């Protein structure tokens, strides 16, 4: 049993599990651990990709803000300026529909330490 390539035909990116693989002589526990190891690697890759996408979104929003406040807008006609602003607003509205989040689970002790960290930085 091992995680096979992604299933693209279903439109989802779920790993397939092949229970008839050549690992048939391996103990069931080891086979399951192997599957979980592979899934864990993909989860970590997904988390990294999500962080990268979040950074890209922030960069795009920053670029849109720069365009909307550009000094170059003063060098074009009012009609063209309105067109550019509408275009930028349309792109901004679409960008804001994308929500990206990676949550880090913490226990109560970690939450307490995290809530105190800004105070520690100020003291240092």
PDB file of N, CA and C in Angstrom:
ATOM      1  N   UNK A   1       0.862  -1.165   0.000  1.00  0.00           N
ATOM      2  CA  UNK A   1       0.000   0.000   0.000  1.00  0.00           C
ATOM      3  C   UNK A   1       0.905   1.224   0.000  1.00  0.00           C
ATOM      4  N   UNK A   2       0.701   2.114  -0.929  1.00  0.00           N
ATOM      5  CA  UNK A   2       1.444   3.365  -0.940  1.00  0.00           C
ATOM      6  C   UNK A   2       0.602   4.438  -1.590  1.00  0.00           C
ATOM      7  N   UNK A   3       0.973   5.672  -1.320  1.00  0.00           N
ATOM      8  CA  UNK A   3       0.256   6.779  -1.922  1.00  0.00           C
ATOM      9  C   UNK A   3       0.727   6.888  -3.351  1.00  0.00           C
ATOM     10  N   UNK A   4      -0.200   6.857  -4.275  1.00  0.00           N
ATOM     11  CA  UNK A   4       0.124   6.930  -5.691  1.00  0.00           C
ATOM     12  C   UNK A   4       0.006   8.372  -6.152  1.00  0.00           C
ATOM     13  N   UNK A   5       0.141   8.582  -7.441  1.00  0.00           N
ATOM     14  CA  UNK A   5       0.031   9.926  -8.000  1.00  0.00           C
ATOM     15  C   UNK A   5      -1.344  10.498  -7.726  1.00  0.00           C
ATOM     16  N   UNK A   6      -1.426  11.811  -7.845  1.00  0.00           N
ATOM     17  CA  UNK A   6      -2.703  12.482  -7.610  1.00  0.00           C
ATOM     18  C   UNK A   6      -3.749  12.031  -8.613  1.00  0.00           C
ATOM     19  N   UNK A   7      -4.969  11.996  -8.183  1.00  0.00           N
ATOM     20  CA  UNK A   7      -6.098  11.697  -9.046  1.00  0.00           C
ATOM     21  C   UNK A   7      -6.546  12.982  -9.719  1.00  0.00           C
ATOM     22  N   UNK A   8      -6.236  13.125 -10.995  1.00  0.00           N
ATOM     23  CA  UNK A   8      -6.593  14.339 -11.710  1.00  0.00           C
ATOM     24  C   UNK A   8      -7.939  14.213 -12.410  1.00  0.00           C
ATOM     25  N   UNK A   9      -8.370  12.982 -12.667  1.00  0.00           N
ATOM     26  CA  UNK A   9      -9.618  12.797 -13.396  1.00  0.00           C
ATOM     27  C   UNK A   9     -10.826  13.257 -12.595  1.00  0.00           C
ATOM     28  N   UNK A  10     -10.759  13.202 -11.294  1.00  0.00           N
ATOM     29  CA  UNK A  10     -11.883  13.594 -10.453  1.00  0.00           C
ATOM     30  C   UNK A  10     -11.892  15.080 -10.160  1.00  0.00           C
ATOM     31  N   UNK A  11     -10.874  15.790 -10.619  1.00  0.00           N
ATOM     32  CA  UNK A  11     -10.807  17.219 -10.363  1.00  0.00           C
ATOM     33  C   UNK A  11     -10.287  17.551  -8.980  1.00  0.00           C
ATOM     34  N   UNK A  12     -10.009  16.534  -8.179  1.00  0.00           N
ATOM     35  CA  UNK A  12      -9.470  16.784  -6.847  1.00  0.00           C
ATOM     36  C   UNK A  12      -8.002  16.395  -6.836  1.00  0.00           C
ATOM     37  N   UNK A  13      -7.314  16.827  -5.811  1.00  0.00           N
ATOM     38  CA  UNK A  13      -5.898  16.507  -5.697  1.00  0.00           C
ATOM     39  C   UNK A  13      -5.676  15.582  -4.501  1.00  0.00           C
ATOM     40  N   UNK A  14      -6.519  14.569  -4.387  1.00  0.00           N
ATOM     41  CA  UNK A  14      -6.386  13.622  -3.288  1.00  0.00           C
ATOM     42  C   UNK A  14      -5.441  12.501  -3.691  1.00  0.00           C
ATOM     43  N   UNK A  15      -4.559  12.079  -2.794  1.00  0.00           N
ATOM     44  CA  UNK A  15      -3.676  10.966  -3.132  1.00  0.00           C
ATOM     45  C   UNK A  15      -4.466   9.667  -3.199  1.00  0.00           C
ATOM     46  N   UNK A  16      -4.067   8.829  -4.121  1.00  0.00           N
ATOM     47  CA  UNK A  16      -4.672   7.509  -4.232  1.00  0.00           C
ATOM     48  C   UNK A  16      -3.851   6.533  -3.407  1.00  0.00           C
ATOM     49  N   UNK A  17      -4.498   5.549  -2.840  1.00  0.00           N
ATOM     50  CA  UNK A  17      -3.792   4.541  -2.057  1.00  0.00           C
ATOM     51  C   UNK A  17      -3.867   3.225  -2.810  1.00  0.00           C
ATOM     52  N   UNK A  18      -2.695   2.673  -3.112  1.00  0.00           N
ATOM     53  CA  UNK A  18      -2.597   1.413  -3.841  1.00  0.00           C
ATOM     54  C   UNK A  18      -2.282   0.308  -2.839  1.00  0.00           C
ATOM     55  N   UNK A  19      -3.252  -0.566  -2.581  1.00  0.00           N
ATOM     56  CA  UNK A  19      -3.051  -1.639  -1.608  1.00  0.00           C
ATOM     57  C   UNK A  19      -2.439  -2.880  -2.232  1.00  0.00           C
ATOM     58  N   UNK A  20      -2.174  -2.856  -3.524  1.00  0.00           N
ATOM     59  CA  UNK A  20      -1.617  -4.023  -4.201  1.00  0.00           C
ATOM     60  C   UNK A  20      -0.191  -3.780  -4.661  1.00  0.00           C
ATOM     61  N   UNK A  21       0.516  -2.868  -4.046  1.00  0.00           N
ATOM     62  CA  UNK A  21       1.862  -2.522  -4.502  1.00  0.00           C
ATOM     63  C   UNK A  21       2.860  -3.624  -4.178  1.00  0.00           C
ATOM     64  N   UNK A  22       4.066  -3.434  -4.626  1.00  0.00           N
ATOM     65  CA  UNK A  22       5.139  -4.403  -4.409  1.00  0.00           C
ATOM     66  C   UNK A  22       5.553  -4.477  -2.945  1.00  0.00           C
ATOM     67  N   UNK A  23       5.040  -3.607  -2.117  1.00  0.00           N
ATOM     68  CA  UNK A  23       5.375  -3.626  -0.699  1.00  0.00           C
ATOM     69  C   UNK A  23       4.602  -4.715   0.052  1.00  0.00           C
ATOM     70  N   UNK A  24       3.995  -5.650  -0.668  1.00  0.00           N
ATOM     71  CA  UNK A  24       3.154  -6.677  -0.070  1.00  0.00           C
ATOM     72  C   UNK A  24       3.839  -7.521   0.984  1.00  0.00           C
ATOM     73  N   UNK A  25       5.157  -7.624   0.945  1.00  0.00           N
ATOM     74  CA  UNK A  25       5.872  -8.426   1.935  1.00  0.00           C
ATOM     75  C   UNK A  25       6.197  -7.629   3.190  1.00  0.00           C
ATOM     76  N   UNK A  26       5.946  -6.348   3.159  1.00  0.00           N
ATOM     77  CA  UNK A  26       6.207  -5.483   4.304  1.00  0.00           C
ATOM     78  C   UNK A  26       5.077  -5.635   5.323  1.00  0.00           C
ATOM     79  N   UNK A  27       5.431  -5.526   6.585  1.00  0.00           N
ATOM     80  CA  UNK A  27       4.435  -5.635   7.655  1.00  0.00           C
ATOM     81  C   UNK A  27       3.373  -4.549   7.487  1.00  0.00           C
ATOM     82  N   UNK A  28       2.121  -4.863   7.818  1.00  0.00           N
ATOM     83  CA  UNK A  28       1.040  -3.874   7.655  1.00  0.00           C
ATOM     84  C   UNK A  28       1.321  -2.550   8.353  1.00  0.00           C
ATOM     85  N   UNK A  29       1.879  -2.612   9.569  1.00  0.00           N
ATOM     86  CA  UNK A  29       2.183  -1.372  10.290  1.00  0.00           C
ATOM     87  C   UNK A  29       3.180  -0.529   9.499  1.00  0.00           C
ATOM     88  N   UNK A  30       4.222  -1.158   8.968  1.00  0.00           N
ATOM     89  CA  UNK A  30       5.232  -0.436   8.195  1.00  0.00           C
ATOM     90  C   UNK A  30       4.639   0.148   6.915  1.00  0.00           C
ATOM     91  N   UNK A  31       3.730  -0.595   6.306  1.00  0.00           N
ATOM     92  CA  UNK A  31       3.079  -0.092   5.089  1.00  0.00           C
ATOM     93  C   UNK A  31       2.250   1.144   5.409  1.00  0.00           C
ATOM     94  N   UNK A  32       1.509   1.087   6.525  1.00  0.00           N
ATOM     95  CA  UNK A  32       0.687   2.237   6.913  1.00  0.00           C
ATOM     96  C   UNK A  32       1.555   3.430   7.294  1.00  0.00           C
ATOM     97  N   UNK A  33       2.661   3.176   7.996  1.00  0.00           N
ATOM     98  CA  UNK A  33       3.588   4.255   8.352  1.00  0.00           C
ATOM     99  C   UNK A  33       4.151   4.885   7.085  1.00  0.00           C
ATOM    100  N   UNK A  34       4.467   4.061   6.101  1.00  0.00           N
ATOM    101  CA  UNK A  34       4.985   4.573   4.833  1.00  0.00           C
ATOM    102  C   UNK A  34       3.967   5.486   4.148  1.00  0.00           C
ATOM    103  N   UNK A  35       2.708   5.069   4.153  1.00  0.00           N
ATOM    104  CA  UNK A  35       1.649   5.901   3.570  1.00  0.00           C
ATOM    105  C   UNK A  35       1.552   7.221   4.323  1.00  0.00           C
ATOM    106  N   UNK A  36       1.546   7.154   5.641  1.00  0.00           N
ATOM    107  CA  UNK A  36       1.441   8.377   6.447  1.00  0.00           C
ATOM    108  C   UNK A  36       2.648   9.287   6.240  1.00  0.00           C
ATOM    109  N   UNK A  37       3.840   8.714   6.100  1.00  0.00           N
ATOM    110  CA  UNK A  37       5.033   9.523   5.828  1.00  0.00           C
ATOM    111  C   UNK A  37       4.889  10.286   4.513  1.00  0.00           C
ATOM    112  N   UNK A  38       4.393   9.598   3.495  1.00  0.00           N
ATOM    113  CA  UNK A  38       4.212  10.245   2.196  1.00  0.00           C
ATOM    114  C   UNK A  38       3.149  11.343   2.265  1.00  0.00           C
ATOM    115  N   UNK A  39       2.065  11.057   2.962  1.00  0.00           N
ATOM    116  CA  UNK A  39       1.006  12.063   3.105  1.00  0.00           C
ATOM    117  C   UNK A  39       1.533  13.262   3.889  1.00  0.00           C
ATOM    118  N   UNK A  40       2.319  13.004   4.942  1.00  0.00           N
ATOM    119  CA  UNK A  40       2.880  14.100   5.729  1.00  0.00           C
ATOM    120  C   UNK A  40       3.768  14.998   4.873  1.00  0.00           C
ATOM    121  N   UNK A  41       4.577  14.395   4.010  1.00  0.00           N
ATOM    122  CA  UNK A  41       5.427  15.197   3.123  1.00  0.00           C
ATOM    123  C   UNK A  41       4.578  16.089   2.222  1.00  0.00           C
ATOM    124  N   UNK A  42       3.482  15.546   1.720  1.00  0.00           N
ATOM    125  CA  UNK A  42       2.606  16.341   0.852  1.00  0.00           C
ATOM    126  C   UNK A  42       1.898  17.444   1.625  1.00  0.00           C
ATOM    127  N   UNK A  43       1.532  17.175   2.863  1.00  0.00           N
ATOM    128  CA  UNK A  43       0.903  18.205   3.698  1.00  0.00           C
ATOM    129  C   UNK A  43       1.883  19.349   3.933  1.00  0.00           C
ATOM    130  N   UNK A  44       3.127  19.017   4.236  1.00  0.00           N
ATOM    131  CA  UNK A  44       4.133  20.062   4.456  1.00  0.00           C
ATOM    132  C   UNK A  44       4.379  20.861   3.182  1.00  0.00           C
ATOM    133  N   UNK A  45       4.394  20.192   2.039  1.00  0.00           N
ATOM    134  CA  UNK A  45       4.544  20.900   0.765  1.00  0.00           C
ATOM    135  C   UNK A  45       3.344  21.820   0.535  1.00  0.00           C
ATOM    136  N   UNK A  46       2.155  21.339   0.861  1.00  0.00           N
ATOM    137  CA  UNK A  46       0.950  22.153   0.726  1.00  0.00           C
ATOM    138  C   UNK A  46       1.027  23.384   1.616  1.00  0.00           C
ATOM    139  N   UNK A  47       1.504  23.224   2.835  1.00  0.00           N
ATOM    140  CA  UNK A  47       1.648  24.370   3.744  1.00  0.00           C
ATOM    141  C   UNK A  47       2.647  25.385   3.190  1.00  0.00           C
ATOM    142  N   UNK A  48       3.784  24.899   2.675  1.00  0.00           N
ATOM    143  CA  UNK A  48       4.778  25.817   2.089  1.00  0.00           C
ATOM    144  C   UNK A  48       4.192  26.551   0.888  1.00  0.00           C
ATOM    145  N   UNK A  49       3.491  25.807   0.029  1.00  0.00           N
ATOM    146  CA  UNK A  49       2.879  26.433  -1.147  1.00  0.00           C
ATOM    147  C   UNK A  49       1.850  27.475  -0.736  1.00  0.00           C
ATOM    148  N   UNK A  50       1.099  27.191   0.306  1.00  0.00           N
ATOM    149  CA  UNK A  50       0.083  28.127   0.776  1.00  0.00           C
ATOM    150  C   UNK A  50       0.718  29.407   1.295  1.00  0.00           C
ATOM    151  N   UNK A  51       1.801  29.283   2.022  1.00  0.00           N
ATOM    152  CA  UNK A  51       2.512  30.472   2.506  1.00  0.00           C
ATOM    153  C   UNK A  51       3.027  31.284   1.318  1.00  0.00           C
ATOM    154  N   UNK A  52       3.569  30.589   0.314  1.00  0.00           N
ATOM    155  CA  UNK A  52       4.059  31.278  -0.886  1.00  0.00           C
ATOM    156  C   UNK A  52       2.917  32.007  -1.593  1.00  0.00           C
ATOM    157  N   UNK A  53       1.768  31.374  -1.707  1.00  0.00           N
ATOM    158  CA  UNK A  53       0.613  31.997  -2.356  1.00  0.00           C
ATOM    159  C   UNK A  53       0.146  33.209  -1.555  1.00  0.00           C
ATOM    160  N   UNK A  54       0.161  33.096  -0.240  1.00  0.00           N
ATOM    161  CA  UNK A  54      -0.231  34.227   0.608  1.00  0.00           C
ATOM    162  C   UNK A  54       0.713  35.413   0.387  1.00  0.00           C
ATOM    163  N   UNK A  55       2.006  35.135   0.289  1.00  0.00           N
ATOM    164  CA  UNK A  55       2.978  36.199   0.031  1.00  0.00           C
ATOM    165  C   UNK A  55       2.761  36.816  -1.349  1.00  0.00           C
ATOM    166  N   UNK A  56       2.438  35.973  -2.329  1.00  0.00           N
ATOM    167  CA  UNK A  56       2.169  36.479  -3.676  1.00  0.00           C
ATOM    168  C   UNK A  56       0.927  37.368  -3.681  1.00  0.00           C
ATOM    169  N   UNK A  57      -0.108  36.962  -2.966  1.00  0.00           N
ATOM    170  CA  UNK A  57      -1.319  37.777  -2.878  1.00  0.00           C
ATOM    171  C   UNK A  57      -0.999  39.132  -2.263  1.00  0.00           C
ATOM    172  N   UNK A  58      -0.233  39.141  -1.174  1.00  0.00           N
ATOM    173  CA  UNK A  58       0.149  40.406  -0.538  1.00  0.00           C
ATOM    174  C   UNK A  58       0.925  41.291  -1.502  1.00  0.00           C
ATOM    175  N   UNK A  59       1.803  40.683  -2.275  1.00  0.00           N
ATOM    176  CA  UNK A  59       2.586  41.437  -3.253  1.00  0.00           C
ATOM    177  C   UNK A  59       1.680  42.038  -4.329  1.00  0.00           C
ATOM    178  N   UNK A  60       0.717  41.260  -4.799  1.00  0.00           N
ATOM    179  CA  UNK A  60      -0.218  41.762  -5.814  1.00  0.00           C
ATOM    180  C   UNK A  60      -1.063  42.907  -5.266  1.00  0.00           C
ATOM    181  N   UNK A  61      -1.529  42.771  -4.029  1.00  0.00           N
ATOM    182  CA  UNK A  61      -2.321  43.842  -3.420  1.00  0.00           C
ATOM    183  C   UNK A  61      -1.485  45.106  -3.259  1.00  0.00           C
ATOM    184  N   UNK A  62      -0.231  44.937  -2.914  1.00  0.00           N
ATOM    185  CA  UNK A  62       0.674  46.080  -2.782  1.00  0.00           C
ATOM    186  C   UNK A  62       0.893  46.760  -4.134  1.00  0.00           C
ATOM    187  N   UNK A  63       1.062  45.967  -5.181  1.00  0.00           N
ATOM    188  CA  UNK A  63       1.238  46.522  -6.523  1.00  0.00           C
ATOM    189  C   UNK A  63      -0.005  47.278  -6.963  1.00  0.00           C
ATOM    190  N   UNK A  64      -1.175  46.711  -6.699  1.00  0.00           N
ATOM    191  CA  UNK A  64      -2.419  47.406  -7.055  1.00  0.00           C
ATOM    192  C   UNK A  64      -2.535  48.729  -6.306  1.00  0.00           C
ATOM    193  N   UNK A  65      -2.167  48.738  -5.044  1.00  0.00           N
ATOM    194  CA  UNK A  65      -2.196  49.975  -4.265  1.00  0.00           C
ATOM    195  C   UNK A  65      -1.233  51.002  -4.859  1.00  0.00           C
ATOM    196  N   UNK A  66      -0.062  50.544  -5.270  1.00  0.00           N
ATOM    197  CA  UNK A  66       0.915  51.450  -5.888  1.00  0.00           C
ATOM    198  C   UNK A  66       0.383  52.042  -7.184  1.00  0.00           C
ATOM    199  N   UNK A  67      -0.288  51.225  -7.978  1.00  0.00           N
ATOM    200  CA  UNK A  67      -0.863  51.720  -9.238  1.00  0.00           C
ATOM    201  C   UNK A  67      -1.925  52.770  -8.945  1.00  0.00           C
ATOM    202  N   UNK A  68      -2.783  52.490  -7.963  1.00  0.00           N
ATOM    203  CA  UNK A  68      -3.875  53.416  -7.656  1.00  0.00           C
ATOM    204  C   UNK A  68      -3.382  54.740  -7.080  1.00  0.00           C
ATOM    205  N   UNK A  69      -2.168  54.755  -6.536  1.00  0.00           N
ATOM    206  CA  UNK A  69      -1.620  55.980  -5.958  1.00  0.00           C
ATOM    207  C   UNK A  69      -0.401  56.496  -6.730  1.00  0.00           C
ATOM    208  N   UNK A  70      -0.252  56.021  -7.940  1.00  0.00           N
ATOM    209  CA  UNK A  70       0.909  56.386  -8.748  1.00  0.00           C
ATOM    210  C   UNK A  70       0.850  57.843  -9.202  1.00  0.00           C
ATOM    211  N   UNK A  71       2.002  58.476  -9.218  1.00  0.00           N
ATOM    212  CA  UNK A  71       2.100  59.846  -9.731  1.00  0.00           C
ATOM    213  C   UNK A  71       1.829  59.888 -11.232  1.00  0.00           C
ATOM    214  N   UNK A  72       1.987  58.766 -11.907  1.00  0.00           N
ATOM    215  CA  UNK A  72       1.729  58.703 -13.343  1.00  0.00           C
ATOM    216  C   UNK A  72       0.268  59.004 -13.673  1.00  0.00           C
ATOM    217  N   UNK A  73      -0.622  58.774 -12.714  1.00  0.00           N
ATOM    218  CA  UNK A  73      -2.039  59.067 -12.950  1.00  0.00           C
ATOM    219  C   UNK A  73      -2.260  60.558 -13.205  1.00  0.00           C
ATOM    220  N   UNK A  74      -1.390  61.391 -12.681  1.00  0.00           N
ATOM    221  CA  UNK A  74      -1.507  62.832 -12.904  1.00  0.00           C
ATOM    222  C   UNK A  74      -1.130  63.243 -14.314  1.00  0.00           C
ATOM    223  N   UNK A  75      -0.470  62.353 -15.047  1.00  0.00           N
ATOM    224  CA  UNK A  75      -0.006  62.664 -16.398  1.00  0.00           C
ATOM    225  C   UNK A  75      -0.958  62.190 -17.487  1.00  0.00           C
ATOM    226  N   UNK A  76      -2.116  61.655 -17.108  1.00  0.00           N
ATOM    227  CA  UNK A  76      -3.061  61.166 -18.118  1.00  0.00           C
ATOM    228  C   UNK A  76      -4.398  61.880 -17.960  1.00  0.00           C
ATOM    229  N   UNK A  77      -5.213  61.749 -18.995  1.00  0.00           N
ATOM    230  CA  UNK A  77      -6.507  62.435 -18.976  1.00  0.00           C
ATOM    231  C   UNK A  77      -7.404  61.854 -17.886  1.00  0.00           C
ATOM    232  N   UNK A  78      -8.386  62.639 -17.483  1.00  0.00           N
ATOM    233  CA  UNK A  78      -9.317  62.208 -16.433  1.00  0.00           C
ATOM    234  C   UNK A  78     -10.076  60.953 -16.862  1.00  0.00           C
ATOM    235  N   UNK A  79     -10.438  60.888 -18.132  1.00  0.00           N
ATOM    236  CA  UNK A  79     -11.160  59.719 -18.656  1.00  0.00           C
ATOM    237  C   UNK A  79     -10.290  58.462 -18.557  1.00  0.00           C
ATOM    238  N   UNK A  80      -9.023  58.577 -18.978  1.00  0.00           N
ATOM    239  CA  UNK A  80      -8.109  57.437 -18.890  1.00  0.00           C
ATOM    240  C   UNK A  80      -7.843  57.060 -17.436  1.00  0.00           C
ATOM    241  N   UNK A  81      -7.743  58.057 -16.585  1.00  0.00           N
ATOM    242  CA  UNK A  81      -7.514  57.814 -15.162  1.00  0.00           C
ATOM    243  C   UNK A  81      -8.677  57.015 -14.569  1.00  0.00           C
ATOM    244  N   UNK A  82      -9.899  57.394 -14.924  1.00  0.00           N
ATOM    245  CA  UNK A  82     -11.077  56.672 -14.432  1.00  0.00           C
ATOM    246  C   UNK A  82     -11.086  55.235 -14.937  1.00  0.00           C
ATOM    247  N   UNK A  83     -10.700  55.034 -16.207  1.00  0.00           N
ATOM    248  CA  UNK A  83     -10.626  53.678 -16.759  1.00  0.00           C
ATOM    249  C   UNK A  83      -9.617  52.829 -15.985  1.00  0.00           C
ATOM    250  N   UNK A  84      -8.465  53.404 -15.724  1.00  0.00           N
ATOM    251  CA  UNK A  84      -7.420  52.681 -15.003  1.00  0.00           C
ATOM    252  C   UNK A  84      -7.876  52.361 -13.583  1.00  0.00           C
ATOM    253  N   UNK A  85      -8.523  53.307 -12.936  1.00  0.00           N
ATOM    254  CA  UNK A  85      -8.995  53.072 -11.568  1.00  0.00           C
ATOM    255  C   UNK A  85     -10.071  51.982 -11.530  1.00  0.00           C
ATOM    256  N   UNK A  86     -10.980  51.993 -12.501  1.00  0.00           N
ATOM    257  CA  UNK A  86     -12.006  50.943 -12.560  1.00  0.00           C
ATOM    258  C   UNK A  86     -11.364  49.580 -12.793  1.00  0.00           C
ATOM    259  N   UNK A  87     -10.380  49.541 -13.684  1.00  0.00           N
ATOM    260  CA  UNK A  87      -9.674  48.299 -13.975  1.00  0.00           C
ATOM    261  C   UNK A  87      -8.957  47.797 -12.715  1.00  0.00           C
ATOM    262  N   UNK A  88      -8.254  48.685 -12.033  1.00  0.00           N
ATOM    263  CA  UNK A  88      -7.542  48.315 -10.801  1.00  0.00           C
ATOM    264  C   UNK A  88      -8.529  47.863  -9.723  1.00  0.00           C
ATOM    265  N   UNK A  89      -9.653  48.553  -9.604  1.00  0.00           N
ATOM    266  CA  UNK A  89     -10.666  48.168  -8.613  1.00  0.00           C
ATOM    267  C   UNK A  89     -11.248  46.793  -8.919  1.00  0.00           C
ATOM    268  N   UNK A  90     -11.442  46.501 -10.204  1.00  0.00           N
ATOM    269  CA  UNK A  90     -11.975  45.194 -10.602  1.00  0.00           C
ATOM    270  C   UNK A  90     -10.978  44.085 -10.237  1.00  0.00           C
ATOM    271  N   UNK A  91      -9.703  44.323 -10.515  1.00  0.00           N
ATOM    272  CA  UNK A  91      -8.678  43.337 -10.168  1.00  0.00           C
ATOM    273  C   UNK A  91      -8.586  43.187  -8.651  1.00  0.00           C
ATOM    274  N   UNK A  92      -8.646  44.301  -7.937  1.00  0.00           N
ATOM    275  CA  UNK A  92      -8.591  44.271  -6.474  1.00  0.00           C
ATOM    276  C   UNK A  92      -9.752  43.459  -5.903  1.00  0.00           C
ATOM    277  N   UNK A  93     -10.937  43.678  -6.429  1.00  0.00           N
ATOM    278  CA  UNK A  93     -12.106  42.936  -5.949  1.00  0.00           C
ATOM    279  C   UNK A  93     -11.920  41.437  -6.163  1.00  0.00           C
ATOM    280  N   UNK A  94     -11.368  41.061  -7.294  1.00  0.00           N
ATOM    281  CA  UNK A  94     -11.125  39.634  -7.560  1.00  0.00           C
ATOM    282  C   UNK A  94     -10.047  39.087  -6.634  1.00  0.00           C
ATOM    283  N   UNK A  95      -8.988  39.870  -6.429  1.00  0.00           N
ATOM    284  CA  UNK A  95      -7.898  39.418  -5.554  1.00  0.00           C
ATOM    285  C   UNK A  95      -8.396  39.226  -4.126  1.00  0.00           C
ATOM    286  N   UNK A  96      -9.305  40.069  -3.691  1.00  0.00           N
ATOM    287  CA  UNK A  96      -9.818  39.974  -2.324  1.00  0.00           C
ATOM    288  C   UNK A  96     -10.751  38.781  -2.124  1.00  0.00           C
ATOM    289  N   UNK A  97     -11.166  38.143  -3.214  1.00  0.00           N
ATOM    290  CA  UNK A  97     -11.990  36.939  -3.079  1.00  0.00           C
ATOM    291  C   UNK A  97     -11.143  35.717  -2.753  1.00  0.00           C
ATOM    292  N   UNK A  98      -9.828  35.854  -2.875  1.00  0.00           N
ATOM    293  CA  UNK A  98      -8.923  34.745  -2.580  1.00  0.00           C
ATOM    294  C   UNK A  98      -8.555  34.801  -1.101  1.00  0.00           C
ATOM    295  N   UNK A  99      -8.906  33.745  -0.390  1.00  0.00           N
ATOM    296  CA  UNK A  99      -8.559  33.669   1.025  1.00  0.00           C
ATOM    297  C   UNK A  99      -7.558  32.539   1.211  1.00  0.00           C
ATOM    298  N   UNK A 100      -6.454  32.875   1.828  1.00  0.00           N
ATOM    299  CA  UNK A 100      -5.389  31.908   2.055  1.00  0.00           C
ATOM    300  C   UNK A 100      -5.072  31.911   3.543  1.00  0.00           C
ATOM    301  N   UNK A 101      -4.976  30.729   4.134  1.00  0.00           N
ATOM    302  CA  UNK A 101      -4.659  30.686   5.564  1.00  0.00           C
ATOM    303  C   UNK A 101      -3.934  29.391   5.904  1.00  0.00           C
ATOM    304  N   UNK A 102      -2.919  29.531   6.721  1.00  0.00           N
ATOM    305  CA  UNK A 102      -2.249  28.386   7.322  1.00  0.00           C
ATOM    306  C   UNK A 102      -2.324  28.608   8.821  1.00  0.00           C
ATOM    307  N   UNK A 103      -3.000  27.716   9.501  1.00  0.00           N
ATOM    308  CA  UNK A 103      -3.176  27.854  10.945  1.00  0.00           C
ATOM    309  C   UNK A 103      -2.151  26.970  11.651  1.00  0.00           C
ATOM    310  N   UNK A 104      -1.571  27.506  12.692  1.00  0.00           N
ATOM    311  CA  UNK A 104      -0.649  26.736  13.518  1.00  0.00           C
ATOM    312  C   UNK A 104      -1.341  26.433  14.837  1.00  0.00           C
ATOM    313  N   UNK A 105      -1.578  25.158  15.080  1.00  0.00           N
ATOM    314  CA  UNK A 105      -2.218  24.757  16.333  1.00  0.00           C
ATOM    315  C   UNK A 105      -1.217  24.899  17.474  1.00  0.00           C
ATOM    316  N   UNK A 106      -1.676  25.499  18.561  1.00  0.00           N
ATOM    317  CA  UNK A 106      -0.831  25.702  19.739  1.00  0.00           C
ATOM    318  C   UNK A 106      -1.596  25.272  20.987  1.00  0.00           C
ATOM    319  N   UNK A 107      -0.846  24.767  21.964  1.00  0.00           N
ATOM    320  CA  UNK A 107      -1.483  24.462  23.243  1.00  0.00           C
ATOM    321  C   UNK A 107      -1.556  25.749  24.060  1.00  0.00           C
ATOM    322  N   UNK A 108      -2.187  25.687  25.232  1.00  0.00           N
ATOM    323  CA  UNK A 108      -2.404  26.903  26.028  1.00  0.00           C
ATOM    324  C   UNK A 108      -1.090  27.545  26.462  1.00  0.00           C
ATOM    325  N   UNK A 109      -0.087  26.743  26.756  1.00  0.00           N
ATOM    326  CA  UNK A 109       1.211  27.281  27.161  1.00  0.00           C
ATOM    327  C   UNK A 109       1.866  28.040  25.998  1.00  0.00           C
ATOM    328  N   UNK A 110       1.785  27.504  24.803  1.00  0.00           N
ATOM    329  CA  UNK A 110       2.347  28.174  23.631  1.00  0.00           C
ATOM    330  C   UNK A 110       1.596  29.465  23.331  1.00  0.00           C
ATOM    331  N   UNK A 111       0.271  29.437  23.465  1.00  0.00           N
ATOM    332  CA  UNK A 111      -0.527  30.643  23.237  1.00  0.00           C
ATOM    333  C   UNK A 111      -0.134  31.742  24.215  1.00  0.00           C
ATOM    334  N   UNK A 112       0.068  31.372  25.477  1.00  0.00           N
ATOM    335  CA  UNK A 112       0.468  32.337  26.499  1.00  0.00           C
ATOM    336  C   UNK A 112       1.827  32.941  26.160  1.00  0.00           C
ATOM    337  N   UNK A 113       2.773  32.101  25.767  1.00  0.00           N
ATOM    338  CA  UNK A 113       4.107  32.592  25.401  1.00  0.00           C
ATOM    339  C   UNK A 113       4.032  33.510  24.186  1.00  0.00           C
ATOM    340  N   UNK A 114       3.200  33.155  23.227  1.00  0.00           N
ATOM    341  CA  UNK A 114       3.051  33.979  22.030  1.00  0.00           C
ATOM    342  C   UNK A 114       2.432  35.328  22.366  1.00  0.00           C
ATOM    343  N   UNK A 115       1.456  35.335  23.252  1.00  0.00           N
ATOM    344  CA  UNK A 115       0.807  36.602  23.608  1.00  0.00           C
ATOM    345  C   UNK A 115       1.751  37.517  24.375  1.00  0.00           C
ATOM    346  N   UNK A 116       2.739  36.960  25.054  1.00  0.00           N
ATOM    347  CA  UNK A 116       3.699  37.763  25.810  1.00  0.00           C
ATOM    348  C   UNK A 116       4.895  38.197  24.973  1.00  0.00           C
ATOM    349  N   UNK A 117       5.106  37.598  23.813  1.00  0.00           N
ATOM    350  CA  UNK A 117       6.307  37.883  23.023  1.00  0.00           C
ATOM    351  C   UNK A 117       6.429  39.337  22.578  1.00  0.00           C
ATOM    352  N   UNK A 118       5.359  40.059  22.202  1.00  0.00           N
ATOM    353  CA  UNK A 118       5.548  41.471  21.841  1.00  0.00           C
ATOM    354  C   UNK A 118       6.092  42.299  23.002  1.00  0.00           C
ATOM    355  N   UNK A 119       5.664  41.977  24.214  1.00  0.00           N
ATOM    356  CA  UNK A 119       6.152  42.700  25.384  1.00  0.00           C
ATOM    357  C   UNK A 119       7.631  42.417  25.613  1.00  0.00           C
ATOM    358  N   UNK A 120       8.029  41.179  25.385  1.00  0.00           N
ATOM    359  CA  UNK A 120       9.436  40.825  25.550  1.00  0.00           C
ATOM    360  C   UNK A 120      10.301  41.533  24.518  1.00  0.00           C
ATOM    361  N   UNK A 121       9.810  41.699  23.320  1.00  0.00           N
ATOM    362  CA  UNK A 121      10.569  42.388  22.279  1.00  0.00           C
ATOM    363  C   UNK A 121      10.741  43.860  22.610  1.00  0.00           C
ATOM    364  N   UNK A 122       9.738  44.464  23.205  1.00  0.00           N
ATOM    365  CA  UNK A 122       9.819  45.879  23.572  1.00  0.00           C
ATOM    366  C   UNK A 122      10.827  46.070  24.695  1.00  0.00           C
ATOM    367  N   UNK A 123      10.850  45.154  25.646  1.00  0.00           N
ATOM    368  CA  UNK A 123      11.765  45.256  26.780  1.00  0.00           C
ATOM    369  C   UNK A 123      13.209  45.106  26.324  1.00  0.00           C
ATOM    370  N   UNK A 124      13.462  44.230  25.402  1.00  0.00           N
ATOM    371  CA  UNK A 124      14.822  43.976  24.918  1.00  0.00           C
ATOM    372  C   UNK A 124      15.256  45.154  24.128  1.00  0.00           C
TER     373      UNK A 124
END
